[in-house]
C-alpha atoms as a PDB file:
ATOM      1  CA  UNK A   1     100.560 111.829  80.811  1.00  0.00           C
ATOM      2  CA  UNK A   2      97.761 109.312  81.324  1.00  0.00           C
ATOM      3  CA  UNK A   3      97.222 107.416  84.556  1.00  0.00           C
ATOM      4  CA  UNK A   4      97.978 104.157  82.749  1.00  0.00           C
ATOM      5  CA  UNK A   5     101.282 105.585  81.461  1.00  0.00           C
ATOM      6  CA  UNK A   6     102.254 106.785  84.943  1.00  0.00           C
ATOM      7  CA  UNK A   7     101.537 103.305  86.294  1.00  0.00           C
ATOM      8  CA  UNK A   8     103.632 101.682  83.533  1.00  0.00           C
ATOM      9  CA  UNK A   9     106.593 103.938  84.336  1.00  0.00           C
ATOM     10  CA  UNK A  10     106.262 103.288  88.070  1.00  0.00           C
ATOM     11  CA  UNK A  11     106.118  99.529  87.458  1.00  0.00           C
ATOM     12  CA  UNK A  12     109.365  99.690  85.473  1.00  0.00           C
ATOM     13  CA  UNK A  13     111.049 101.732  88.224  1.00  0.00           C
ATOM     14  CA  UNK A  14     110.028  99.152  90.844  1.00  0.00           C
ATOM     15  CA  UNK A  15     110.869  96.226  88.581  1.00  0.00           C
ATOM     16  CA  UNK A  16     107.289  94.956  88.849  1.00  0.00           C
ATOM     17  CA  UNK A  17     104.946  93.530  86.260  1.00  0.00           C
ATOM     18  CA  UNK A  18     101.198  94.084  86.195  1.00  0.00           C
ATOM     19  CA  UNK A  19     100.957  90.562  87.599  1.00  0.00           C
ATOM     20  CA  UNK A  20     103.062  91.561  90.629  1.00  0.00           C
ATOM     21  CA  UNK A  21     101.015  94.707  91.216  1.00  0.00           C
ATOM     22  CA  UNK A  22      97.810  92.661  91.009  1.00  0.00           C
ATOM     23  CA  UNK A  23      99.283  90.156  93.470  1.00  0.00           C
ATOM     24  CA  UNK A  24     100.194  92.952  95.892  1.00  0.00           C
ATOM     25  CA  UNK A  25      96.625  94.260  95.598  1.00  0.00           C
ATOM     26  CA  UNK A  26      95.107  90.763  95.947  1.00  0.00           C
ATOM     27  CA  UNK A  27      93.155  91.117  92.690  1.00  0.00           C
ATOM     28  CA  UNK A  28      93.315  89.454  89.283  1.00  0.00           C
ATOM     29  CA  UNK A  29      95.408  90.866  86.467  1.00  0.00           C
ATOM     30  CA  UNK A  30      92.215  91.232  84.401  1.00  0.00           C
ATOM     31  CA  UNK A  31      90.631  93.350  87.139  1.00  0.00           C
ATOM     32  CA  UNK A  32      93.767  95.514  87.355  1.00  0.00           C
ATOM     33  CA  UNK A  33      93.724  96.000  83.587  1.00  0.00           C
ATOM     34  CA  UNK A  34      90.072  97.074  83.777  1.00  0.00           C
ATOM     35  CA  UNK A  35      91.030  99.670  86.396  1.00  0.00           C
ATOM     36  CA  UNK A  36      93.899 100.947  84.232  1.00  0.00           C
ATOM     37  CA  UNK A  37      91.640 101.187  81.172  1.00  0.00           C
ATOM     38  CA  UNK A  38      89.066 103.120  83.181  1.00  0.00           C
ATOM     39  CA  UNK A  39      86.435 100.387  82.887  1.00  0.00           C
ATOM     40  CA  UNK A  40      86.268 100.040  86.666  1.00  0.00           C
ATOM     41  CA  UNK A  41      86.451 103.076  88.892  1.00  0.00           C
ATOM     42  CA  UNK A  42      87.248 102.432  92.521  1.00  0.00           C
ATOM     43  CA  UNK A  43      88.750 105.228  94.596  1.00  0.00           C
ATOM     44  CA  UNK A  44      89.978 102.589  97.050  1.00  0.00           C
ATOM     45  CA  UNK A  45      91.843 100.673  94.336  1.00  0.00           C
ATOM     46  CA  UNK A  46      93.230 103.878  92.787  1.00  0.00           C
ATOM     47  CA  UNK A  47      94.583 104.885  96.198  1.00  0.00           C
ATOM     48  CA  UNK A  48      96.059 101.422  96.646  1.00  0.00           C
ATOM     49  CA  UNK A  49      97.846 101.685  93.282  1.00  0.00           C
ATOM     50  CA  UNK A  50      99.025 105.186  94.189  1.00  0.00           C
ATOM     51  CA  UNK A  51     100.405 104.018  97.536  1.00  0.00           C
ATOM     52  CA  UNK A  52     102.036 100.805  96.291  1.00  0.00           C
ATOM     53  CA  UNK A  53     103.745 102.526  93.363  1.00  0.00           C
ATOM     54  CA  UNK A  54     104.468 105.769  95.224  1.00  0.00           C
ATOM     55  CA  UNK A  55     102.987 107.854  92.409  1.00  0.00           C
ATOM     56  CA  UNK A  56     103.533 111.617  92.509  1.00  0.00           C
ATOM     57  CA  UNK A  57     100.140 112.608  91.089  1.00  0.00           C
ATOM     58  CA  UNK A  58      97.266 112.856  93.551  1.00  0.00           C
ATOM     59  CA  UNK A  59      94.680 110.079  93.449  1.00  0.00           C
ATOM     60  CA  UNK A  60      92.009 112.615  92.492  1.00  0.00           C
ATOM     61  CA  UNK A  61      93.662 112.840  89.057  1.00  0.00           C
ATOM     62  CA  UNK A  62      92.760 109.160  88.743  1.00  0.00           C
ATOM     63  CA  UNK A  63      91.955 107.544  85.477  1.00  0.00           C
ATOM     64  CA  UNK A  64      91.701 109.831  82.491  1.00  0.00           C
ATOM     65  CA  UNK A  65      88.246 110.895  81.383  1.00  0.00           C
END
């Protein structure tokens, strides 16, 4: 399963939208979408997403290559 798919599932479980996740991260929705598409790679932001959404996969799995 892709990182983006895992994030989508976690958002549904928490009842959050991408907008809410971006707000929690203090970034724009466009920036979040770039991270999810793999256009921006930031270990710090990936860890933040992992922690906020309580993802099971380790951060090192990150965005798909």
